[in-house]
Each structure stands twice: as structure tokens, then as C-alpha cells.
Amino acid sequence: MSVTSLDKDLDNLTFTLVADFAAPVERVWQLWSDPRQLERWWGPPTYPATVEEYDLTPGGDVTYFMTGPEGDKHRGWWRITSVDAPRSLEFTDGFSDADGVPSADMPTTTTRVTLTERDGGTRMEMRSAFDTREQMEQLAKMGMEEGLREAVGQMDGLLAG
């Protein structure tokens, strides 16, 4: 599995996932920059994603839903804040209601993805920052850690294919 570490920092309200891949930075970047490839790994295997709107430019939006094993749909969105292809991406990540409207009563995170060359492959770091400890704990109870580990774990197969 590609995930090499998960670090929860309660003092700084961050959650950082590090993964190493045997693929060049440009190839790993494609998993983020192509909505059809993003769909194949964003979300745990039992909750595959469908990307509805995709604008990977500063100020742009990405909207999607994940479909659970019982057919239940869980909607989410990103608001892109910065892109430095193929090295980094930053976005605000949040939840939406059944109509795709961002949910004001659910927490959002600021996520920064960096891709760097390492040992002939790529190291990916995803750092999610939370506004409060309560928000961090709420998303942890919802399975954020395991879900992210499972989602990123699917990237190896896509890179090998």
C-alpha cells in the first residue's frame, strides 16, 4: 500500500497523509487533474465517486457525490484556492445537501496536496487543516482517516494500469 504515514496533530488542528508512489510526479498529478481518473479513487472502494462539475482553476469548483453500498448518495464539493501543476493543489473541502447545496452545518477543511520527486517516484502529502478541534473530532468519528487511507490506497492500481 502506498500510504506511508498518517499524522493527526491536535495542537495544530491538522491531519496529514503521506503516500509514496512508483510513478513520476506528472503521472500522479493526472489522478487529480483528470475528473474521470479522480472518480476512480476519490472515496473508499465501497463509496465510489461521481464527479459532476470540475473546474481545477483558482476560484473553480469541483462537485461530486459518493454512492454507498445501499445506493445512498453523499455529496461534497471543493473550492479551488491554488493550483501549481503538477506540484501542488489547495482547496476547501466540504459537504453538500441532497440538492448539492453546500451544507452550512457541516465542517469544512482546507486541504493542501503537494507532489515531490522522491527515490525515482513521487511522494504525495495531503494536509487537511480544521477550524476547531470539535470539527476535527467530528470528521474523525465519521471515518475520515480510514476513508482517506482506503481512497488513496486505490491510487497504486491506477498508476500501475
Foldseek 3Di string as FASTA:
>chain_A
DFWDDWDQDLVQQKIKIKGWALAALQLLLCCVQPQVSVQQQQWFPQWGKDWDDDDQAQQDKIKIWTQHNVRDIWIKMWHWHHDDPSFKTKTKIATAPPVRHGDPVAWIWIWMWGWDDDPNTIMIMIMTHGPHSVNSVVVVVVPPVVTVVRRVVSVRVVSVD
